[in-house]
Protein backbone atom coordinates (compact mmCIF):
# COMPACT_ATOMS: atom_id res chain seq x y z
CA MET A 1 134.86 59.01 70.11
CA GLN A 2 136.56 58.14 66.84
CA ARG A 3 133.53 59.27 64.83
CA TYR A 4 133.24 62.36 67.04
CA GLN A 5 136.85 63.32 66.24
CA GLU A 6 136.41 62.63 62.55
CA GLU A 7 133.59 65.18 62.61
CA GLY A 8 135.87 67.83 64.13
CA GLY A 9 135.62 67.06 67.85
CA HIS A 10 138.53 67.22 70.32
CA LYS A 11 139.87 64.20 72.11
CA ASP A 12 140.32 66.17 75.36
CA ARG A 13 136.53 65.99 75.78
CA LEU A 14 137.07 62.50 77.22
CA VAL A 15 139.42 61.63 80.08
CA LEU A 16 140.11 58.01 80.89
CA ALA A 17 141.56 57.30 84.34
CA VAL A 18 143.24 54.00 85.13
CA SER A 19 145.41 52.73 87.96
CA ARG A 20 148.95 51.60 87.18
CA TYR A 21 148.00 48.46 89.07
CA TRP A 22 146.20 47.44 85.84
CA SER A 23 147.95 49.50 83.16
CA ARG A 24 151.18 47.57 83.69
CA ASP A 25 149.56 44.87 81.55
CA GLN A 26 149.51 46.57 78.13
CA GLU A 27 147.61 43.66 76.56
CA LYS A 28 144.61 44.16 78.85
CA VAL A 29 144.95 47.95 79.07
CA PRO A 30 146.13 49.28 75.68
CA LEU A 31 147.08 52.80 76.78
CA ASP A 32 148.57 53.75 73.41
CA GLU A 33 145.27 52.97 71.70
CA TRP A 34 143.33 54.84 74.35
CA ARG A 35 145.52 57.93 73.96
CA LYS A 36 144.51 58.19 70.30
CA LEU A 37 140.93 58.84 71.38
CA ALA A 38 141.16 60.51 74.79
CA LEU A 39 143.36 61.99 77.48
CA VAL A 40 144.64 59.24 79.76
CA TYR A 41 145.62 59.67 83.40
CA GLU A 42 147.26 56.96 85.49
CA THR A 43 146.88 57.00 89.27
CA PRO A 44 149.86 55.71 91.32
CA ASP A 45 150.59 52.02 91.65
CA THR A 46 150.16 50.18 94.96
CA SER A 47 151.69 47.10 96.53
CA GLY A 48 151.12 44.68 99.37
CA GLU A 49 148.26 42.37 100.25
CA ARG A 50 145.60 45.05 99.69
CA ALA A 51 147.15 46.49 96.53
CA ARG A 52 144.05 45.96 94.42
CA ASP A 53 141.62 47.61 96.85
CA GLU A 54 144.01 50.48 97.63
CA SER A 55 144.55 51.16 93.94
CA LEU A 56 140.78 51.34 93.46
CA GLN A 57 140.51 53.72 96.39
CA LEU A 58 143.09 56.07 94.87
CA LEU A 59 141.34 55.90 91.50
CA ARG A 60 137.93 56.66 92.99
CA LYS A 61 139.22 59.62 94.98
CA TRP A 62 140.94 60.99 91.88
CA MET A 63 137.73 60.80 89.85
CA VAL A 64 135.45 62.28 92.49
CA SER A 65 137.83 65.15 93.27
CA ARG A 66 137.90 66.20 89.59
CA CYS A 67 134.30 65.67 88.54
CA ASP A 68 131.65 68.38 88.43
CA ALA A 69 128.85 65.79 88.40
CA ILE A 70 128.54 62.02 88.78
CA VAL A 71 126.28 59.76 86.70
CA VAL A 72 126.02 56.30 88.28
CA VAL A 73 125.10 53.43 85.94
CA GLY A 74 125.69 49.68 85.73
CA GLY A 75 128.32 48.12 87.95
CA LYS A 76 129.27 44.62 89.10
CA TRP A 77 130.19 42.82 92.33
CA TRP A 78 127.14 44.02 94.29
CA GLN A 79 125.77 40.54 94.91
CA THR A 80 129.14 38.72 94.78
CA VAL A 81 131.53 40.85 96.89
CA GLY A 82 129.69 43.88 98.31
CA GLY A 83 132.83 45.49 99.68
CA ARG A 84 134.35 45.69 96.19
CA ALA A 85 131.32 47.14 94.46
CA GLY A 86 132.35 50.52 93.10
CA ILE A 87 128.87 52.03 92.80
CA PRO A 88 128.12 52.59 96.53
CA LEU A 89 131.71 53.67 97.30
CA GLU A 90 131.96 56.20 94.48
CA LEU A 91 128.46 57.50 95.09
CA GLY A 92 129.23 57.88 98.79
CA LEU A 93 132.37 59.92 98.04
CA ALA A 94 130.46 62.15 95.64
CA ILE A 95 127.64 62.77 98.13
CA GLU A 96 130.17 63.53 100.85
CA ARG A 97 131.75 66.21 98.68
CA GLY A 98 128.41 67.71 97.70
CA ILE A 99 128.75 66.88 93.98
CA PRO A 100 125.51 66.60 91.92
CA CYS A 101 124.72 62.91 91.29
CA PHE A 102 122.36 61.08 88.94
CA LEU A 103 121.55 57.48 89.86
CA LEU A 104 120.41 55.38 86.88
CA GLY A 105 119.22 52.11 88.32
CA GLY A 106 116.85 51.09 85.55
CA LEU A 107 119.67 49.78 83.34
CA GLY A 108 120.55 46.95 85.73
CA GLY A 109 123.75 46.07 87.55
CA ALA A 110 124.81 47.25 90.98
CA ALA A 111 123.07 50.59 90.47
CA GLN A 112 119.70 48.84 90.26
CA ASP A 113 120.32 46.84 93.44
CA PHE A 114 121.61 49.91 95.25
CA VAL A 115 118.42 51.85 94.42
CA ALA A 116 116.27 49.01 95.73
CA GLN A 117 118.15 48.73 99.01
CA HIS A 118 118.74 52.46 99.67
CA PRO A 119 115.56 54.42 98.80
CA GLY A 120 116.63 57.30 101.08
CA VAL A 121 119.55 58.14 98.79
CA PHE A 122 117.32 60.31 96.57
CA LYS A 123 117.35 63.05 99.22
CA GLN A 124 121.14 63.38 99.02
CA LEU A 125 121.87 63.64 95.28
CA LYS A 126 121.92 67.49 95.10
CA ASN A 127 121.26 67.52 91.37
CA GLY A 128 118.50 70.11 91.41
CA LEU A 129 115.70 67.53 91.17
CA ASP A 130 113.26 66.66 93.91
CA GLU A 131 113.04 63.20 95.45
CA GLU A 132 110.20 62.03 93.22
CA ALA A 133 111.94 63.11 90.00
CA ASN A 134 115.14 61.29 91.02
CA ARG A 135 113.16 58.16 91.81
CA GLU A 136 111.58 58.29 88.36
CA ILE A 137 114.97 58.61 86.63
CA SER A 138 116.36 55.71 88.67
CA THR A 139 113.78 53.30 87.25
CA LYS A 140 113.83 54.26 83.56
CA ASP A 141 115.30 51.67 81.21
CA ASP A 142 115.34 53.60 77.94
CA VAL A 143 118.91 54.71 77.24
CA GLY A 144 117.97 57.45 74.79
CA SER A 145 115.47 59.23 77.03
CA LEU A 146 117.76 58.83 80.05
CA ALA A 147 120.69 60.46 78.25
CA GLU A 148 118.47 63.28 77.05
CA SER A 149 117.02 63.85 80.52
CA VAL A 150 120.37 63.83 82.34
CA CYS A 151 122.02 66.14 79.78
CA ALA A 152 119.10 68.57 80.03
CA HIS A 153 119.49 68.75 83.82
CA LEU A 154 123.28 69.04 83.61
CA GLU A 155 122.90 72.14 81.45
CA ARG A 156 120.93 73.82 84.23
CA LEU A 157 123.45 73.09 86.98
CA PRO A 158 126.17 75.62 87.99
CA LEU A 159 128.88 72.99 87.76
CA VAL A 160 131.81 75.29 88.54
CA ARG A 161 130.36 76.59 91.77
CA GLY A 162 126.88 76.39 93.16
CA LEU A 163 124.66 79.20 94.36
CA GLY A 164 123.58 79.70 97.95
CA SER A 165 120.01 78.89 97.01
CA ASP A 166 120.60 75.56 95.28
CA GLY A 167 122.23 73.67 98.14
CA ILE A 168 125.34 72.86 96.13
CA SER A 169 127.80 75.41 97.53
CA PHE A 170 129.32 74.85 100.96
CA ARG A 171 128.58 78.13 102.72
CA ILE A 172 130.92 79.56 105.38
CA LEU A 173 130.31 82.57 107.60
CA ALA A 174 133.56 84.02 108.99
CA LEU A 175 133.34 86.59 111.81
CA ASP A 176 136.43 88.67 112.63
CA GLY A 177 137.77 89.73 116.00
CA GLY A 178 137.61 93.32 117.21
CA GLY A 179 136.45 93.63 120.83
CA LEU A 180 133.38 95.76 121.41
CA LYS A 181 133.30 96.53 117.70
CA GLY A 182 131.64 93.15 117.42
CA ALA A 183 128.48 95.16 117.96
CA PHE A 184 128.78 96.14 114.28
CA THR A 185 128.84 92.47 113.26
CA ALA A 186 125.89 91.69 115.52
CA SER A 187 124.00 94.64 114.02
CA ALA A 188 124.68 93.40 110.47
CA ILE A 189 123.43 89.89 111.35
CA ALA A 190 120.36 91.28 113.11
CA THR A 191 119.55 93.42 110.06
CA TRP A 192 119.89 90.47 107.65
CA GLU A 193 117.62 88.33 109.81
CA LYS A 194 115.03 91.10 110.09
CA GLN A 195 115.00 91.82 106.36
CA THR A 196 114.90 88.17 105.24
CA GLY A 197 112.83 86.66 108.03
CA TYR A 198 115.33 83.79 108.31
CA ARG A 199 117.91 82.82 110.92
CA VAL A 200 121.47 83.17 109.67
CA VAL A 201 122.55 79.95 111.40
CA ASP A 202 120.16 77.91 109.24
CA HIS A 203 121.72 79.09 105.98
CA PHE A 204 125.43 78.39 106.55
CA ASP A 205 127.17 75.03 106.65
CA LEU A 206 129.95 76.24 108.92
CA ILE A 207 130.46 79.35 111.08
CA ALA A 208 133.94 80.42 112.17
CA GLY A 209 134.57 83.21 114.65
CA THR A 210 137.59 84.66 116.43
CA SER A 211 137.53 86.63 119.69
CA THR A 212 134.37 88.77 119.61
CA GLY A 213 133.49 86.96 116.38
CA GLY A 214 133.82 83.70 118.28
CA ILE A 215 131.33 84.91 120.88
CA LEU A 216 128.90 85.73 118.08
CA ALA A 217 129.51 82.41 116.28
CA LEU A 218 128.84 80.45 119.45
CA GLY A 219 125.73 82.47 120.22
CA LEU A 220 124.37 81.85 116.73
CA GLY A 221 125.19 78.16 117.02
CA LEU A 222 123.22 77.97 120.26
CA GLY A 223 120.18 79.41 118.50
CA LEU A 224 120.38 83.06 119.64
CA SER A 225 119.19 85.59 117.09
CA GLY A 226 121.33 88.42 115.77
CA GLN A 227 119.12 90.87 117.69
CA ARG A 228 119.71 88.99 120.95
CA MET A 229 123.46 89.17 120.39
CA LEU A 230 123.24 92.88 119.55
CA ASP A 231 121.27 93.50 122.75
CA PHE A 232 123.99 91.63 124.65
CA TYR A 233 126.70 93.94 123.33
CA ARG A 234 124.67 97.06 124.04
CA ALA A 235 123.63 96.12 127.56
CA ARG A 236 126.58 94.11 128.86
CA GLY A 237 129.49 95.64 126.96
CA PRO A 238 129.91 98.49 129.51
CA VAL A 239 129.89 95.90 132.30
CA ILE A 240 132.60 93.78 130.70
CA PHE A 241 134.68 96.79 129.61
CA PRO A 242 133.94 99.43 132.25
CA VAL A 243 134.83 103.09 131.62
CA THR A 244 135.93 104.73 134.89
CA ARG A 245 136.42 108.34 135.96
CA ILE A 246 139.76 110.09 135.46
CA ARG A 247 141.20 109.06 138.84
CA GLY A 248 139.98 105.52 138.46
CA ARG A 249 141.21 105.44 134.88
CA LEU A 250 144.72 106.42 136.02
CA TRP A 251 144.74 103.65 138.61
CA HIS A 252 143.35 101.26 136.02
CA THR A 253 146.18 102.15 133.61
CA LEU A 254 148.90 101.73 136.24
CA ARG A 255 147.43 98.38 137.28
CA HIS A 256 147.32 97.31 133.62
CA ILE A 257 151.12 97.53 133.47
CA VAL A 258 151.33 94.50 135.77
CA PHE A 259 147.94 92.78 135.56
CA PRO A 260 145.29 92.11 132.90
CA LYS A 261 143.07 95.12 132.29
CA TYR A 262 139.64 93.48 132.69
CA SER A 263 138.07 90.80 134.87
CA GLN A 264 137.79 87.37 133.32
CA ALA A 265 135.26 86.32 135.97
CA ILE A 266 132.88 89.09 134.88
CA LEU A 267 133.20 88.12 131.22
CA LEU A 268 132.47 84.45 132.00
CA ARG A 269 129.47 85.39 134.13
CA GLU A 270 128.02 87.55 131.36
CA LEU A 271 128.63 84.87 128.72
CA GLU A 272 126.92 82.20 130.82
CA THR A 273 123.93 84.50 131.41
CA ALA A 274 123.63 85.23 127.69
CA PHE A 275 124.19 81.68 126.42
CA TYR A 276 122.36 79.64 129.06
CA ALA A 277 118.92 81.20 129.30
CA GLY A 278 117.60 78.06 130.96
CA GLY A 279 120.45 77.98 133.45
CA LYS A 280 121.82 74.66 132.18
CA PRO A 281 125.24 74.79 130.47
CA ILE A 282 125.22 74.02 126.74
CA CYS A 283 128.15 72.24 125.06
CA LEU A 284 129.66 72.56 121.58
CA LYS A 285 128.07 69.27 120.52
CA ASP A 286 124.65 70.93 120.95
CA SER A 287 125.30 73.64 118.35
CA ARG A 288 122.82 73.94 115.48
CA CYS A 289 125.70 74.50 113.04
CA ARG A 290 129.30 73.37 112.59
CA LEU A 291 131.61 75.76 114.45
CA VAL A 292 135.32 76.58 114.28
CA ILE A 293 136.59 78.86 117.07
CA PRO A 294 140.32 79.77 116.83
CA THR A 295 142.30 80.18 120.07
CA TYR A 296 145.97 80.03 121.06
CA HIS A 297 147.29 77.23 123.28
CA ALA A 298 149.34 79.04 125.92
CA VAL A 299 151.26 76.00 127.17
CA ALA A 300 152.05 74.41 123.81
CA GLY A 301 152.68 77.79 122.16
CA ALA A 302 150.62 76.75 119.15
CA SER A 303 147.36 77.55 117.42
CA HIS A 304 144.27 75.69 118.56
CA GLN A 305 140.66 75.54 117.45
CA PHE A 306 137.59 74.61 119.45
CA ARG A 307 135.27 72.68 117.15
CA THR A 308 131.92 71.03 117.15
CA PRO A 309 132.25 67.23 116.62
CA HIS A 310 131.60 67.49 112.86
CA HIS A 311 134.21 64.83 112.03
CA PRO A 312 135.07 61.51 113.71
CA ASP A 313 138.55 62.85 114.56
CA LEU A 314 137.20 66.07 116.10
CA THR A 315 135.42 64.95 119.26
CA ALA A 316 137.75 66.21 122.00
CA ASP A 317 135.78 69.44 122.50
CA ALA A 318 132.30 67.96 122.12
CA ASN A 319 131.50 68.45 125.82
CA THR A 320 133.30 71.79 126.22
CA GLU A 321 130.87 74.43 127.44
CA ALA A 322 130.11 77.10 124.86
CA ALA A 323 130.74 79.91 127.35
CA HIS A 324 134.19 78.49 128.15
CA ALA A 325 135.12 78.28 124.47
CA ALA A 326 134.00 81.90 124.07
CA LEU A 327 136.08 82.89 127.09
CA ALA A 328 139.15 81.27 125.53
CA THR A 329 138.86 82.86 122.08
CA ALA A 330 138.25 86.30 123.67
CA ALA A 331 141.14 86.16 126.16
CA ALA A 332 143.19 88.92 124.50
CA PRO A 333 146.71 89.16 125.99
CA THR A 334 147.08 92.04 128.52
CA PHE A 335 143.29 92.57 128.53
CA PHE A 336 142.29 89.20 130.07
CA SER A 337 144.07 86.34 131.76
CA ALA A 338 144.52 83.11 129.83
CA ALA A 339 141.36 80.99 130.06
CA ARG A 340 141.76 77.59 131.71
CA ILE A 341 139.53 75.19 129.78
CA ALA A 342 139.17 71.42 130.14
CA ASN A 343 138.11 69.17 127.28
CA MET A 344 137.87 65.39 127.03
CA VAL A 345 141.68 65.12 126.88
CA ALA A 346 143.11 67.55 129.42
CA GLU A 347 142.87 70.99 130.98
CA SER A 348 145.00 73.79 129.60
CA SER A 349 145.24 77.56 129.16
CA TYR A 350 144.21 79.48 126.05
CA PHE A 351 144.59 83.00 124.72
CA ASP A 352 142.64 84.98 122.11
CA GLY A 353 142.66 83.35 118.65
CA GLY A 354 143.31 86.81 117.21
CA VAL A 355 147.03 86.34 117.71
CA TRP A 356 147.03 84.03 114.67
CA ALA A 357 143.57 84.12 113.02
CA ASN A 358 141.89 87.47 113.68
CA SER A 359 140.17 86.88 110.36
CA PRO A 360 139.15 83.19 110.50
CA ALA A 361 138.18 82.86 106.81
CA MET A 362 141.25 80.86 105.81
CA ALA A 363 141.03 78.61 108.88
CA ALA A 364 137.41 77.85 107.96
CA ILE A 365 138.30 77.04 104.34
CA ILE A 366 141.03 74.65 105.48
CA GLU A 367 138.52 73.00 107.82
CA ALA A 368 136.04 72.52 104.98
CA VAL A 369 138.63 71.07 102.61
CA CYS A 370 140.73 68.92 104.95
CA PHE A 371 138.12 67.56 107.35
CA LEU A 372 134.79 67.96 105.56
CA ARG A 373 136.30 67.18 102.14
CA ARG A 374 134.51 69.93 100.25
CA PRO A 375 136.03 70.92 96.87
CA LEU A 376 137.52 74.42 96.86
CA GLU A 377 135.50 75.48 93.85
CA ARG A 378 132.26 74.71 95.70
CA ILE A 379 133.01 76.83 98.78
CA ASP A 380 131.52 80.29 99.29
CA VAL A 381 132.69 82.47 102.19
CA LEU A 382 131.03 85.54 103.64
CA SER A 383 133.59 87.32 105.83
CA VAL A 384 132.29 90.05 108.14
CA GLY A 385 134.76 92.50 109.68
CA THR A 386 134.30 94.85 112.62
CA THR A 387 135.11 98.17 110.91
CA GLU A 388 138.55 99.73 111.20
CA GLU A 389 140.52 102.92 111.21
CA PRO A 390 143.36 103.55 108.74
CA PHE A 391 146.43 101.67 109.95
CA THR A 392 150.05 102.58 109.22
CA VAL A 393 153.42 102.00 110.83
CA ARG A 394 155.34 104.54 108.76
CA TRP A 395 156.42 106.37 111.93
CA GLN A 396 157.83 103.10 113.33
CA THR A 397 160.23 102.34 110.47
CA ARG A 398 163.20 103.25 112.68
CA ALA A 399 161.53 102.92 116.07
CA GLY A 400 162.78 101.13 119.15
CA ILE A 401 160.78 99.61 121.97
CA LEU A 402 159.16 102.86 123.08
CA GLY A 403 158.23 103.78 119.51
CA TRP A 404 156.44 100.49 118.99
CA LEU A 405 154.67 100.73 122.34
CA TRP A 406 153.28 104.16 121.38
CA LYS A 407 149.54 103.78 120.86
CA LYS A 408 150.04 100.00 121.10
CA ARG A 409 151.37 99.74 117.54
CA ILE A 410 153.21 96.55 118.47
CA LEU A 411 149.83 94.90 119.18
CA GLY A 412 148.03 96.19 116.11
CA PHE A 413 150.80 95.36 113.65
CA PRO A 414 150.58 91.54 113.69
CA LEU A 415 146.77 91.56 113.81
CA LYS A 416 146.09 93.82 110.85
CA PRO A 417 148.79 93.51 108.15
CA GLY A 418 150.59 90.59 109.77
CA GLN A 419 147.83 88.02 109.34
CA SER A 420 144.31 89.40 108.83
CA LEU A 421 145.00 90.77 105.37
CA THR A 422 147.18 87.76 104.57
CA SER A 423 144.33 85.42 105.49
CA MET A 424 141.88 87.33 103.32
CA GLY A 425 144.38 87.53 100.47
CA TYR A 426 144.89 83.78 100.33
CA ALA A 427 141.16 83.15 100.67
CA GLN A 428 140.27 85.33 97.68
CA PRO A 429 139.72 83.63 94.29
CA GLY A 430 142.95 85.15 93.01
CA GLY A 431 144.76 83.43 95.84
CA GLY A 432 143.77 80.08 94.43
CA THR A 433 140.91 79.17 96.73
CA SER A 434 137.23 79.84 97.11
CA SER A 435 134.82 82.70 96.49
CA VAL A 436 134.98 85.20 99.36
CA ARG A 437 132.64 88.09 99.97
CA GLU A 438 133.80 90.51 102.65
CA VAL A 439 131.62 92.94 104.62
CA PRO A 440 133.36 95.33 105.24
CA PRO A 441 137.22 95.10 105.10
CA SER A 442 138.31 92.86 107.95
CA GLY A 443 139.49 94.47 111.15
């Protein structure tokens, strides 16, 4: 680095990270000397009986969370104290986060032993090379050719954010709520599948859906095609949301003042018929894709999400029937009764997730970052709305109860500007998160 700087290079091209557990000893860790050649970052100190291991854990997480690619070489402790060997731990963190990795085992050390004992690791490196090419790199022992080969491949990688075709990006499909207008979403999915010849569910790492979007997400997770879901909306929509004659409509409206407008039993029956073609109930754990289905916990008065068991801490809903989860996320207040659903913990009542996440894009991003530990810059979101009409509350600026009840403005206000647009705003790149593509504006 000193020669590099003497030739006009910048010292910020190298970052050295060290834990304060070691940097307290300035004789062993000469930080002042290091700072002349590179940027130096110290991770927090630790204490207690496991101070050393915990400090290493913090240091490893810091490095992996800030790296665009990992090159694994050398290493000690593999044969002596396996639990302290940094190579497998750091490589495991990088693979978990979907970061491109290069494993150079031909130069000896723990990397060489790791290659010998874990030949299946070549399928998980996500560096753009096939399994055979990675195996060849892992056995080379010429430093010059290795450096040249790795640098050449690094130049080809989209290190800021991957593309959908290279397996590096974490791809999210977010499906908005909107009642029967979910037929638009189903039509869009059916068209994509017809034009590409591929199933949408096989090309996303996580699908989130609220209300009618939740029904679609669950159907896709169970293996139903977009066309099947579109046929469901066309054929069974009038059954779930019947349109009556004028006299019946008047009675229906008067009844709606006191009771929910539509029958929850009919909705559940139609969902079970659509989801369980073989007659046997299918649970969330059987989904072909990770799912996040926002609902609202009626008893606790808090947001809730039905999830597939895609994390060790998220197993409570593993055996929840897909049709029941769909019933919960679609239980719009005043239109349906709260859905009583039992999971592995307890039975409770749930309302439509649209009361807090009509556009589930942000909820899905949080899921990917907090539970699946995907870096924000490697997340791509495709958010599909359900079409909308222009919305304004300019006539309600001085309105009382009756004014807000007119044309149900009080219901539309929190769904549209109150949280749907807010969710999309925070999820956009300018909001400090991932890349979001929306089709069309959420509704």
